[in-house]
Amino acid sequence: MYKLADWVDKTKINTFVLSMNPRAVNYFEDNPEQIDWSMMSANTGAFDLLSYNKDRIDWMYMAANPTMIQLIYNNMDRISWSELSENPAAIDMLLLAKTKISWSNFSRNTHPLAIEFLSKNIDRIDWWGLAGNHAAINIIKENLSRINFDALSENPAAIDLLKKFPNKLVQDEIKTQQAIDADNIKGILILVPIHIS
């Protein structure tokens, strides 16, 4: 269990960003009026909170959340198949309903069965989405002429590959990603563990 560090000024909390933090769920249980329900729906640690607040769930964000697969299965009429297509925990459901797959998002799905299915459906792949998929590095290597190096620049599994093609690196994309990462850090609050006796 976590709580905010004592020195944190609660008036400066970025609840949008904090709502995505699994360690902040306890804080939001005590301060539900501050929850950003869209971001909380994407929070991998919020199963109980969301189970008790189904009317507040943003089902589009929920569909991509791999830890909420039970809630997703029980509410299929509310789910966005586009977002679900990226969810590795939903691979069985996706392979049973192949006509509902959104290929742009499925190309980002990291599940080994998704990668296998993508390798058998090369003509359906969204190459921009696949370029950022760390689990698809072998498909990427075999199809370099189709890969967008802007997107590949964000793939942590592609570092060795990117080193082979320095002329294709997009410095602006890398700088933009660093700025986004730095900006997100500003919204992260220090949460410290507390012991319950």
N, C-alpha and C. Protein backbone atom coordinates (compact mmCIF):
# COMPACT_ATOMS: atom_id res chain seq x y z
N MET A 1 0.85 -1.17 0.00
CA MET A 1 0.00 0.00 0.00
C MET A 1 0.89 1.24 0.00
N TYR A 2 0.47 2.26 -0.70
CA TYR A 2 1.27 3.49 -0.81
C TYR A 2 0.44 4.70 -0.41
N LYS A 3 1.15 5.74 -0.01
CA LYS A 3 0.51 7.02 0.26
C LYS A 3 1.42 8.11 -0.30
N LEU A 4 0.89 9.32 -0.43
CA LEU A 4 1.72 10.43 -0.89
C LEU A 4 2.75 10.77 0.17
N ALA A 5 3.93 11.12 -0.27
CA ALA A 5 4.95 11.57 0.67
C ALA A 5 4.45 12.84 1.35
N ASP A 6 4.84 13.03 2.59
CA ASP A 6 4.32 14.14 3.39
C ASP A 6 4.62 15.51 2.79
N TRP A 7 5.70 15.64 2.06
CA TRP A 7 6.10 16.93 1.52
C TRP A 7 5.34 17.33 0.25
N VAL A 8 4.51 16.45 -0.29
CA VAL A 8 3.81 16.72 -1.54
C VAL A 8 2.69 17.75 -1.30
N ASP A 9 2.68 18.79 -2.12
CA ASP A 9 1.62 19.80 -2.08
C ASP A 9 0.43 19.26 -2.88
N LYS A 10 -0.63 18.90 -2.18
CA LYS A 10 -1.78 18.27 -2.83
C LYS A 10 -2.49 19.19 -3.82
N THR A 11 -2.27 20.48 -3.71
CA THR A 11 -2.91 21.40 -4.66
C THR A 11 -2.21 21.39 -6.02
N LYS A 12 -1.03 20.78 -6.08
CA LYS A 12 -0.27 20.75 -7.33
C LYS A 12 -0.26 19.37 -7.97
N ILE A 13 -1.10 18.48 -7.51
CA ILE A 13 -1.15 17.14 -8.06
C ILE A 13 -1.76 17.17 -9.46
N ASN A 14 -1.10 16.51 -10.37
CA ASN A 14 -1.63 16.33 -11.72
C ASN A 14 -2.42 15.02 -11.69
N THR A 15 -3.71 15.12 -11.39
CA THR A 15 -4.52 13.91 -11.21
C THR A 15 -4.73 13.15 -12.52
N PHE A 16 -4.61 13.82 -13.64
CA PHE A 16 -4.69 13.14 -14.94
C PHE A 16 -3.58 12.10 -15.05
N VAL A 17 -2.35 12.52 -14.80
CA VAL A 17 -1.20 11.62 -14.87
C VAL A 17 -1.23 10.63 -13.72
N LEU A 18 -1.52 11.12 -12.51
CA LEU A 18 -1.50 10.26 -11.33
C LEU A 18 -2.55 9.16 -11.42
N SER A 19 -3.64 9.40 -12.10
CA SER A 19 -4.70 8.39 -12.22
C SER A 19 -4.22 7.14 -12.96
N MET A 20 -3.14 7.24 -13.71
CA MET A 20 -2.58 6.08 -14.42
C MET A 20 -1.61 5.28 -13.55
N ASN A 21 -1.22 5.80 -12.42
CA ASN A 21 -0.19 5.19 -11.60
C ASN A 21 -0.78 4.11 -10.69
N PRO A 22 -0.38 2.84 -10.86
CA PRO A 22 -0.93 1.77 -10.03
C PRO A 22 -0.70 1.98 -8.53
N ARG A 23 0.37 2.68 -8.19
CA ARG A 23 0.66 2.92 -6.78
C ARG A 23 -0.22 4.01 -6.17
N ALA A 24 -0.96 4.70 -6.99
CA ALA A 24 -1.80 5.80 -6.49
C ALA A 24 -3.24 5.39 -6.25
N VAL A 25 -3.58 4.15 -6.48
CA VAL A 25 -4.97 3.70 -6.35
C VAL A 25 -5.49 3.95 -4.94
N ASN A 26 -4.67 3.66 -3.92
CA ASN A 26 -5.10 3.90 -2.54
C ASN A 26 -5.40 5.37 -2.28
N TYR A 27 -4.58 6.24 -2.84
CA TYR A 27 -4.83 7.67 -2.70
C TYR A 27 -6.19 8.03 -3.28
N PHE A 28 -6.49 7.50 -4.44
CA PHE A 28 -7.77 7.82 -5.10
C PHE A 28 -8.96 7.16 -4.43
N GLU A 29 -8.75 6.04 -3.76
CA GLU A 29 -9.85 5.45 -3.00
C GLU A 29 -10.29 6.40 -1.89
N ASP A 30 -9.33 7.16 -1.34
CA ASP A 30 -9.64 8.15 -0.30
C ASP A 30 -10.05 9.50 -0.88
N ASN A 31 -9.79 9.72 -2.17
CA ASN A 31 -10.07 11.00 -2.83
C ASN A 31 -10.72 10.77 -4.19
N PRO A 32 -11.87 10.10 -4.23
CA PRO A 32 -12.47 9.72 -5.51
C PRO A 32 -12.88 10.90 -6.39
N GLU A 33 -13.11 12.04 -5.79
CA GLU A 33 -13.50 13.21 -6.57
C GLU A 33 -12.36 13.72 -7.46
N GLN A 34 -11.15 13.26 -7.22
CA GLN A 34 -10.00 13.68 -8.02
C GLN A 34 -9.66 12.72 -9.16
N ILE A 35 -10.37 11.63 -9.27
CA ILE A 35 -10.05 10.61 -10.27
C ILE A 35 -10.37 11.11 -11.68
N ASP A 36 -9.44 10.89 -12.58
CA ASP A 36 -9.71 11.03 -14.00
C ASP A 36 -10.06 9.62 -14.46
N TRP A 37 -11.34 9.39 -14.70
CA TRP A 37 -11.83 8.02 -14.94
C TRP A 37 -11.32 7.41 -16.24
N SER A 38 -11.02 8.22 -17.24
CA SER A 38 -10.44 7.67 -18.46
C SER A 38 -9.06 7.08 -18.17
N MET A 39 -8.24 7.85 -17.49
CA MET A 39 -6.89 7.38 -17.17
C MET A 39 -6.93 6.24 -16.15
N MET A 40 -7.85 6.31 -15.19
CA MET A 40 -7.97 5.23 -14.21
C MET A 40 -8.37 3.93 -14.91
N SER A 41 -9.15 4.03 -15.97
CA SER A 41 -9.57 2.84 -16.72
C SER A 41 -8.39 2.15 -17.39
N ALA A 42 -7.31 2.89 -17.60
CA ALA A 42 -6.09 2.32 -18.17
C ALA A 42 -5.10 1.88 -17.09
N ASN A 43 -5.41 2.14 -15.84
CA ASN A 43 -4.52 1.85 -14.72
C ASN A 43 -4.49 0.35 -14.44
N THR A 44 -3.31 -0.25 -14.52
CA THR A 44 -3.18 -1.69 -14.36
C THR A 44 -3.38 -2.16 -12.92
N GLY A 45 -3.44 -1.25 -11.98
CA GLY A 45 -3.60 -1.64 -10.58
C GLY A 45 -4.97 -1.32 -10.00
N ALA A 46 -5.93 -0.98 -10.84
CA ALA A 46 -7.20 -0.46 -10.35
C ALA A 46 -8.37 -1.43 -10.48
N PHE A 47 -8.13 -2.72 -10.53
CA PHE A 47 -9.21 -3.68 -10.78
C PHE A 47 -10.36 -3.53 -9.79
N ASP A 48 -10.05 -3.54 -8.50
CA ASP A 48 -11.12 -3.45 -7.50
C ASP A 48 -11.86 -2.13 -7.58
N LEU A 49 -11.13 -1.04 -7.69
CA LEU A 49 -11.75 0.29 -7.78
C LEU A 49 -12.68 0.37 -8.99
N LEU A 50 -12.24 -0.13 -10.11
CA LEU A 50 -13.06 -0.10 -11.32
C LEU A 50 -14.23 -1.08 -11.25
N SER A 51 -14.01 -2.22 -10.61
CA SER A 51 -15.10 -3.20 -10.46
C SER A 51 -16.27 -2.61 -9.69
N TYR A 52 -15.97 -1.76 -8.73
CA TYR A 52 -17.02 -1.14 -7.91
C TYR A 52 -17.57 0.14 -8.53
N ASN A 53 -16.99 0.57 -9.63
CA ASN A 53 -17.41 1.82 -10.28
C ASN A 53 -17.57 1.61 -11.78
N LYS A 54 -18.25 0.55 -12.17
CA LYS A 54 -18.39 0.21 -13.59
C LYS A 54 -19.06 1.32 -14.40
N ASP A 55 -19.93 2.07 -13.76
CA ASP A 55 -20.61 3.16 -14.46
C ASP A 55 -19.68 4.32 -14.79
N ARG A 56 -18.48 4.34 -14.19
CA ARG A 56 -17.52 5.42 -14.43
C ARG A 56 -16.41 5.02 -15.40
N ILE A 57 -16.36 3.75 -15.76
CA ILE A 57 -15.29 3.24 -16.62
C ILE A 57 -15.37 3.85 -18.02
N ASP A 58 -14.21 4.21 -18.54
CA ASP A 58 -14.10 4.60 -19.94
C ASP A 58 -13.69 3.32 -20.67
N TRP A 59 -14.65 2.70 -21.35
CA TRP A 59 -14.44 1.37 -21.92
C TRP A 59 -13.44 1.36 -23.07
N MET A 60 -13.22 2.50 -23.71
CA MET A 60 -12.21 2.55 -24.75
C MET A 60 -10.82 2.34 -24.13
N TYR A 61 -10.55 3.06 -23.04
CA TYR A 61 -9.27 2.90 -22.37
C TYR A 61 -9.16 1.53 -21.70
N MET A 62 -10.25 1.06 -21.16
CA MET A 62 -10.27 -0.24 -20.51
C MET A 62 -9.90 -1.37 -21.48
N ALA A 63 -10.35 -1.27 -22.71
CA ALA A 63 -10.13 -2.34 -23.69
C ALA A 63 -8.65 -2.64 -23.92
N ALA A 64 -7.80 -1.67 -23.74
CA ALA A 64 -6.36 -1.87 -23.96
C ALA A 64 -5.63 -2.30 -22.70
N ASN A 65 -6.32 -2.37 -21.57
CA ASN A 65 -5.70 -2.66 -20.28
C ASN A 65 -5.62 -4.17 -20.05
N PRO A 66 -4.42 -4.75 -20.10
CA PRO A 66 -4.29 -6.21 -20.00
C PRO A 66 -4.68 -6.79 -18.64
N THR A 67 -4.64 -6.00 -17.60
CA THR A 67 -4.99 -6.52 -16.27
C THR A 67 -6.48 -6.54 -16.01
N MET A 68 -7.26 -6.00 -16.92
CA MET A 68 -8.70 -5.90 -16.71
C MET A 68 -9.47 -6.88 -17.60
N ILE A 69 -8.82 -7.95 -18.03
CA ILE A 69 -9.42 -8.84 -19.01
C ILE A 69 -10.74 -9.44 -18.52
N GLN A 70 -10.88 -9.70 -17.22
CA GLN A 70 -12.13 -10.26 -16.71
C GLN A 70 -13.27 -9.25 -16.87
N LEU A 71 -13.02 -8.00 -16.55
CA LEU A 71 -14.04 -6.96 -16.75
C LEU A 71 -14.37 -6.81 -18.23
N ILE A 72 -13.37 -6.92 -19.05
CA ILE A 72 -13.58 -6.81 -20.50
C ILE A 72 -14.46 -7.96 -21.00
N TYR A 73 -14.12 -9.18 -20.62
CA TYR A 73 -14.90 -10.35 -21.04
C TYR A 73 -16.36 -10.24 -20.61
N ASN A 74 -16.58 -9.67 -19.45
CA ASN A 74 -17.94 -9.56 -18.92
C ASN A 74 -18.72 -8.36 -19.47
N ASN A 75 -18.09 -7.55 -20.30
CA ASN A 75 -18.73 -6.34 -20.83
C ASN A 75 -18.39 -6.14 -22.30
N MET A 76 -18.43 -7.20 -23.07
CA MET A 76 -18.02 -7.14 -24.47
C MET A 76 -18.85 -6.16 -25.30
N ASP A 77 -20.07 -5.91 -24.90
CA ASP A 77 -20.92 -4.98 -25.65
C ASP A 77 -20.47 -3.53 -25.50
N ARG A 78 -19.58 -3.27 -24.56
CA ARG A 78 -19.11 -1.89 -24.32
C ARG A 78 -17.70 -1.64 -24.85
N ILE A 79 -17.04 -2.67 -25.29
CA ILE A 79 -15.62 -2.60 -25.62
C ILE A 79 -15.37 -2.08 -27.03
N SER A 80 -14.29 -1.32 -27.15
CA SER A 80 -13.81 -0.87 -28.46
C SER A 80 -12.88 -1.95 -29.01
N TRP A 81 -13.29 -2.59 -30.10
CA TRP A 81 -12.46 -3.63 -30.71
C TRP A 81 -11.16 -3.06 -31.25
N SER A 82 -11.20 -1.81 -31.63
CA SER A 82 -9.98 -1.17 -32.10
C SER A 82 -8.93 -1.18 -30.99
N GLU A 83 -9.30 -0.73 -29.80
CA GLU A 83 -8.37 -0.70 -28.67
C GLU A 83 -8.05 -2.11 -28.18
N LEU A 84 -9.04 -2.97 -28.17
CA LEU A 84 -8.84 -4.35 -27.72
C LEU A 84 -7.80 -5.06 -28.59
N SER A 85 -7.71 -4.69 -29.84
CA SER A 85 -6.78 -5.34 -30.76
C SER A 85 -5.33 -5.22 -30.32
N GLU A 86 -5.03 -4.23 -29.51
CA GLU A 86 -3.66 -4.03 -29.03
C GLU A 86 -3.40 -4.78 -27.72
N ASN A 87 -4.43 -5.29 -27.08
CA ASN A 87 -4.33 -5.89 -25.76
C ASN A 87 -3.81 -7.33 -25.85
N PRO A 88 -2.59 -7.59 -25.34
CA PRO A 88 -2.04 -8.94 -25.43
C PRO A 88 -2.85 -9.97 -24.62
N ALA A 89 -3.52 -9.53 -23.57
CA ALA A 89 -4.31 -10.45 -22.74
C ALA A 89 -5.58 -10.91 -23.45
N ALA A 90 -5.96 -10.24 -24.53
CA ALA A 90 -7.18 -10.57 -25.26
C ALA A 90 -6.92 -11.39 -26.51
N ILE A 91 -5.74 -11.98 -26.61
CA ILE A 91 -5.36 -12.65 -27.85
C ILE A 91 -6.32 -13.78 -28.23
N ASP A 92 -6.79 -14.55 -27.27
CA ASP A 92 -7.72 -15.64 -27.60
C ASP A 92 -9.00 -15.09 -28.21
N MET A 93 -9.52 -14.04 -27.60
CA MET A 93 -10.75 -13.42 -28.09
C MET A 93 -10.54 -12.85 -29.50
N LEU A 94 -9.39 -12.23 -29.73
CA LEU A 94 -9.10 -11.62 -31.02
C LEU A 94 -8.97 -12.67 -32.13
N LEU A 95 -8.31 -13.77 -31.81
CA LEU A 95 -8.13 -14.80 -32.83
C LEU A 95 -9.42 -15.55 -33.12
N LEU A 96 -10.37 -15.49 -32.21
CA LEU A 96 -11.69 -16.08 -32.46
C LEU A 96 -12.60 -15.14 -33.24
N ALA A 97 -12.29 -13.86 -33.24
CA ALA A 97 -13.11 -12.85 -33.93
C ALA A 97 -12.22 -12.05 -34.88
N LYS A 98 -11.53 -12.73 -35.77
CA LYS A 98 -10.54 -12.11 -36.65
C LYS A 98 -11.10 -10.97 -37.48
N THR A 99 -12.38 -11.04 -37.83
CA THR A 99 -12.95 -9.97 -38.66
C THR A 99 -13.11 -8.66 -37.90
N LYS A 100 -13.02 -8.69 -36.58
CA LYS A 100 -13.15 -7.48 -35.76
C LYS A 100 -11.81 -6.84 -35.44
N ILE A 101 -10.73 -7.49 -35.84
CA ILE A 101 -9.40 -6.97 -35.54
C ILE A 101 -9.16 -5.65 -36.26
N SER A 102 -8.63 -4.69 -35.52
CA SER A 102 -8.12 -3.44 -36.10
C SER A 102 -6.64 -3.67 -36.34
N TRP A 103 -6.26 -3.77 -37.61
CA TRP A 103 -4.89 -4.14 -37.94
C TRP A 103 -3.87 -3.10 -37.51
N SER A 104 -4.27 -1.83 -37.49
CA SER A 104 -3.31 -0.81 -37.04
C SER A 104 -2.94 -1.03 -35.57
N ASN A 105 -3.92 -1.35 -34.74
CA ASN A 105 -3.62 -1.62 -33.33
C ASN A 105 -3.09 -3.03 -33.10
N PHE A 106 -3.59 -4.00 -33.84
CA PHE A 106 -3.11 -5.37 -33.69
C PHE A 106 -1.62 -5.45 -34.05
N SER A 107 -1.16 -4.60 -34.94
CA SER A 107 0.26 -4.58 -35.30
C SER A 107 1.13 -4.17 -34.12
N ARG A 108 0.52 -3.60 -33.09
CA ARG A 108 1.25 -3.21 -31.87
C ARG A 108 1.16 -4.28 -30.78
N ASN A 109 0.34 -5.30 -30.99
CA ASN A 109 0.11 -6.33 -29.98
C ASN A 109 1.37 -7.16 -29.80
N THR A 110 1.83 -7.30 -28.56
CA THR A 110 3.10 -7.96 -28.26
C THR A 110 2.97 -9.45 -27.95
N HIS A 111 1.78 -9.98 -27.90
CA HIS A 111 1.61 -11.39 -27.55
C HIS A 111 2.27 -12.28 -28.63
N PRO A 112 2.96 -13.35 -28.22
CA PRO A 112 3.60 -14.22 -29.21
C PRO A 112 2.64 -14.76 -30.28
N LEU A 113 1.40 -15.06 -29.90
CA LEU A 113 0.45 -15.54 -30.91
C LEU A 113 0.05 -14.42 -31.87
N ALA A 114 0.03 -13.19 -31.39
CA ALA A 114 -0.24 -12.06 -32.29
C ALA A 114 0.91 -11.90 -33.27
N ILE A 115 2.14 -12.03 -32.79
CA ILE A 115 3.31 -11.91 -33.66
C ILE A 115 3.27 -13.02 -34.72
N GLU A 116 2.93 -14.23 -34.31
CA GLU A 116 2.83 -15.34 -35.25
C GLU A 116 1.74 -15.07 -36.29
N PHE A 117 0.59 -14.57 -35.85
CA PHE A 117 -0.51 -14.27 -36.76
C PHE A 117 -0.13 -13.14 -37.72
N LEU A 118 0.56 -12.14 -37.22
CA LEU A 118 1.03 -11.05 -38.07
C LEU A 118 2.00 -11.57 -39.14
N SER A 119 2.89 -12.47 -38.74
CA SER A 119 3.87 -13.00 -39.71
C SER A 119 3.20 -13.78 -40.83
N LYS A 120 1.99 -14.27 -40.58
CA LYS A 120 1.24 -15.00 -41.61
C LYS A 120 0.31 -14.09 -42.40
N ASN A 121 0.24 -12.82 -42.02
CA ASN A 121 -0.65 -11.84 -42.67
C ASN A 121 0.12 -10.55 -42.96
N ILE A 122 1.26 -10.69 -43.56
CA ILE A 122 2.15 -9.56 -43.83
C ILE A 122 1.44 -8.43 -44.57
N ASP A 123 0.56 -8.78 -45.48
CA ASP A 123 -0.14 -7.76 -46.28
C ASP A 123 -1.15 -6.95 -45.47
N ARG A 124 -1.49 -7.37 -44.26
CA ARG A 124 -2.46 -6.65 -43.42
C ARG A 124 -1.79 -5.77 -42.36
N ILE A 125 -0.49 -5.91 -42.21
CA ILE A 125 0.24 -5.21 -41.16
C ILE A 125 0.22 -3.70 -41.39
N ASP A 126 0.06 -2.98 -40.31
CA ASP A 126 0.26 -1.53 -40.30
C ASP A 126 1.74 -1.33 -39.91
N TRP A 127 2.54 -0.94 -40.87
CA TRP A 127 4.00 -0.91 -40.67
C TRP A 127 4.44 0.15 -39.68
N TRP A 128 3.71 1.23 -39.57
CA TRP A 128 4.04 2.26 -38.57
C TRP A 128 3.85 1.66 -37.17
N GLY A 129 2.71 1.03 -36.94
CA GLY A 129 2.44 0.41 -35.65
C GLY A 129 3.42 -0.70 -35.33
N LEU A 130 3.71 -1.53 -36.32
CA LEU A 130 4.63 -2.65 -36.10
C LEU A 130 6.03 -2.15 -35.78
N ALA A 131 6.45 -1.06 -36.38
CA ALA A 131 7.81 -0.54 -36.16
C ALA A 131 8.07 -0.25 -34.69
N GLY A 132 7.04 0.11 -33.94
CA GLY A 132 7.21 0.39 -32.52
C GLY A 132 7.02 -0.83 -31.62
N ASN A 133 6.72 -1.98 -32.21
CA ASN A 133 6.42 -3.19 -31.44
C ASN A 133 7.70 -3.95 -31.15
N HIS A 134 8.15 -3.92 -29.89
CA HIS A 134 9.42 -4.56 -29.52
C HIS A 134 9.39 -6.08 -29.72
N ALA A 135 8.21 -6.68 -29.66
CA ALA A 135 8.11 -8.13 -29.81
C ALA A 135 8.18 -8.56 -31.28
N ALA A 136 8.06 -7.62 -32.19
CA ALA A 136 8.03 -7.94 -33.62
C ALA A 136 9.35 -7.66 -34.33
N ILE A 137 10.43 -7.62 -33.58
CA ILE A 137 11.70 -7.21 -34.16
C ILE A 137 12.14 -8.12 -35.32
N ASN A 138 11.81 -9.40 -35.27
CA ASN A 138 12.20 -10.29 -36.37
C ASN A 138 11.42 -9.98 -37.65
N ILE A 139 10.13 -9.69 -37.52
CA ILE A 139 9.35 -9.28 -38.70
C ILE A 139 9.90 -7.97 -39.26
N ILE A 140 10.26 -7.09 -38.37
CA ILE A 140 10.83 -5.80 -38.78
C ILE A 140 12.11 -6.01 -39.58
N LYS A 141 13.00 -6.83 -39.05
CA LYS A 141 14.29 -7.08 -39.72
C LYS A 141 14.10 -7.68 -41.11
N GLU A 142 13.07 -8.50 -41.26
CA GLU A 142 12.82 -9.16 -42.55
C GLU A 142 12.09 -8.26 -43.54
N ASN A 143 11.64 -7.09 -43.11
CA ASN A 143 10.85 -6.20 -43.97
C ASN A 143 11.30 -4.75 -43.84
N LEU A 144 12.59 -4.53 -43.80
CA LEU A 144 13.12 -3.18 -43.58
C LEU A 144 12.64 -2.16 -44.60
N SER A 145 12.41 -2.59 -45.82
CA SER A 145 11.98 -1.64 -46.85
C SER A 145 10.58 -1.08 -46.56
N ARG A 146 9.81 -1.74 -45.71
CA ARG A 146 8.46 -1.29 -45.37
C ARG A 146 8.40 -0.51 -44.07
N ILE A 147 9.49 -0.47 -43.34
CA ILE A 147 9.50 0.10 -42.00
C ILE A 147 9.68 1.61 -42.02
N ASN A 148 8.93 2.26 -41.18
CA ASN A 148 9.05 3.69 -40.99
C ASN A 148 10.05 3.93 -39.86
N PHE A 149 11.16 4.56 -40.18
CA PHE A 149 12.22 4.73 -39.19
C PHE A 149 11.86 5.77 -38.13
N ASP A 150 10.90 6.65 -38.40
CA ASP A 150 10.41 7.55 -37.35
C ASP A 150 9.85 6.71 -36.20
N ALA A 151 8.98 5.78 -36.54
CA ALA A 151 8.35 4.92 -35.53
C ALA A 151 9.38 3.95 -34.94
N LEU A 152 10.27 3.43 -35.76
CA LEU A 152 11.28 2.49 -35.28
C LEU A 152 12.19 3.15 -34.24
N SER A 153 12.39 4.45 -34.35
CA SER A 153 13.24 5.18 -33.40
C SER A 153 12.72 5.11 -31.97
N GLU A 154 11.45 4.77 -31.80
CA GLU A 154 10.87 4.66 -30.46
C GLU A 154 10.88 3.23 -29.94
N ASN A 155 11.36 2.28 -30.72
CA ASN A 155 11.33 0.87 -30.34
C ASN A 155 12.61 0.50 -29.59
N PRO A 156 12.50 0.18 -28.29
CA PRO A 156 13.71 -0.14 -27.52
C PRO A 156 14.42 -1.40 -28.00
N ALA A 157 13.72 -2.29 -28.68
CA ALA A 157 14.35 -3.51 -29.17
C ALA A 157 15.10 -3.28 -30.48
N ALA A 158 15.00 -2.09 -31.03
CA ALA A 158 15.59 -1.81 -32.34
C ALA A 158 16.91 -1.05 -32.26
N ILE A 159 17.47 -0.90 -31.09
CA ILE A 159 18.69 -0.10 -30.94
C ILE A 159 19.81 -0.61 -31.86
N ASP A 160 20.09 -1.91 -31.84
CA ASP A 160 21.15 -2.45 -32.69
C ASP A 160 20.85 -2.23 -34.17
N LEU A 161 19.60 -2.38 -34.54
CA LEU A 161 19.19 -2.16 -35.93
C LEU A 161 19.35 -0.69 -36.32
N LEU A 162 18.97 0.21 -35.43
CA LEU A 162 19.10 1.64 -35.70
C LEU A 162 20.57 2.05 -35.86
N LYS A 163 21.44 1.41 -35.10
CA LYS A 163 22.87 1.72 -35.21
C LYS A 163 23.41 1.38 -36.60
N LYS A 164 22.79 0.42 -37.27
CA LYS A 164 23.22 0.04 -38.62
C LYS A 164 22.78 1.04 -39.68
N PHE A 165 21.80 1.87 -39.34
CA PHE A 165 21.25 2.84 -40.31
C PHE A 165 21.19 4.24 -39.69
N PRO A 166 22.34 4.79 -39.29
CA PRO A 166 22.32 6.10 -38.63
C PRO A 166 21.77 7.22 -39.51
N ASN A 167 21.88 7.07 -40.82
CA ASN A 167 21.37 8.10 -41.72
C ASN A 167 19.84 8.15 -41.73
N LYS A 168 19.19 7.12 -41.23
CA LYS A 168 17.73 7.09 -41.21
C LYS A 168 17.15 7.50 -39.87
N LEU A 169 18.01 7.76 -38.90
CA LEU A 169 17.52 8.18 -37.59
C LEU A 169 16.90 9.56 -37.67
N VAL A 170 15.83 9.72 -36.97
CA VAL A 170 15.10 10.98 -36.99
C VAL A 170 15.33 11.68 -35.66
N GLN A 171 16.27 12.62 -35.68
CA GLN A 171 16.64 13.29 -34.43
C GLN A 171 15.47 14.05 -33.81
N ASP A 172 14.64 14.68 -34.64
CA ASP A 172 13.51 15.42 -34.09
C ASP A 172 12.56 14.50 -33.33
N GLU A 173 12.34 13.30 -33.85
CA GLU A 173 11.46 12.32 -33.19
C GLU A 173 12.06 11.92 -31.84
N ILE A 174 13.38 11.69 -31.83
CA ILE A 174 14.04 11.31 -30.59
C ILE A 174 13.94 12.44 -29.57
N LYS A 175 14.18 13.68 -30.00
CA LYS A 175 14.08 14.82 -29.10
C LYS A 175 12.66 15.00 -28.60
N THR A 176 11.67 14.81 -29.47
CA THR A 176 10.27 14.93 -29.07
C THR A 176 9.95 13.90 -28.01
N GLN A 177 10.39 12.65 -28.19
CA GLN A 177 10.12 11.60 -27.22
C GLN A 177 10.79 11.92 -25.89
N GLN A 178 12.01 12.46 -25.93
CA GLN A 178 12.69 12.83 -24.69
C GLN A 178 11.94 13.94 -23.97
N ALA A 179 11.40 14.90 -24.73
CA ALA A 179 10.63 15.98 -24.13
C ALA A 179 9.34 15.46 -23.50
N ILE A 180 8.67 14.53 -24.18
CA ILE A 180 7.45 13.94 -23.63
C ILE A 180 7.77 13.19 -22.35
N ASP A 181 8.85 12.40 -22.37
CA ASP A 181 9.24 11.64 -21.18
C ASP A 181 9.55 12.59 -20.03
N ALA A 182 10.29 13.68 -20.32
CA ALA A 182 10.63 14.65 -19.27
C ALA A 182 9.38 15.32 -18.73
N ASP A 183 8.43 15.63 -19.60
CA ASP A 183 7.19 16.26 -19.17
C ASP A 183 6.37 15.32 -18.30
N ASN A 184 6.33 14.04 -18.65
CA ASN A 184 5.59 13.07 -17.84
C ASN A 184 6.20 12.91 -16.46
N ILE A 185 7.53 13.03 -16.38
CA ILE A 185 8.20 12.90 -15.09
C ILE A 185 7.70 14.00 -14.14
N LYS A 186 7.41 15.18 -14.67
CA LYS A 186 6.91 16.27 -13.82
C LYS A 186 5.59 15.90 -13.16
N GLY A 187 4.82 15.03 -13.79
CA GLY A 187 3.52 14.66 -13.23
C GLY A 187 3.58 13.50 -12.26
N ILE A 188 4.75 12.89 -12.13
CA ILE A 188 4.87 11.74 -11.24
C ILE A 188 5.16 12.24 -9.83
N LEU A 189 4.38 11.77 -8.90
CA LEU A 189 4.58 12.15 -7.51
C LEU A 189 5.28 11.03 -6.77
N ILE A 190 5.96 11.39 -5.74
CA ILE A 190 6.62 10.39 -4.92
C ILE A 190 5.57 9.71 -4.05
N LEU A 191 5.44 8.42 -4.21
CA LEU A 191 4.54 7.61 -3.41
C LEU A 191 5.42 6.70 -2.57
N VAL A 192 5.17 6.69 -1.28
CA VAL A 192 5.99 5.88 -0.39
C VAL A 192 5.17 4.76 0.20
N PRO A 193 5.80 3.59 0.41
CA PRO A 193 5.04 2.48 1.00
C PRO A 193 4.70 2.76 2.45
N ILE A 194 3.54 2.29 2.86
CA ILE A 194 3.18 2.37 4.28
C ILE A 194 2.90 0.95 4.75
N HIS A 195 3.18 0.72 5.99
CA HIS A 195 2.96 -0.60 6.56
C HIS A 195 1.65 -0.59 7.35
N ILE A 196 0.83 -1.58 7.08
CA ILE A 196 -0.44 -1.69 7.80
C ILE A 196 -0.26 -2.73 8.88
N SER A 197 -0.54 -2.34 10.10
CA SER A 197 -0.36 -3.30 11.19
C SER A 197 -1.66 -3.94 11.60
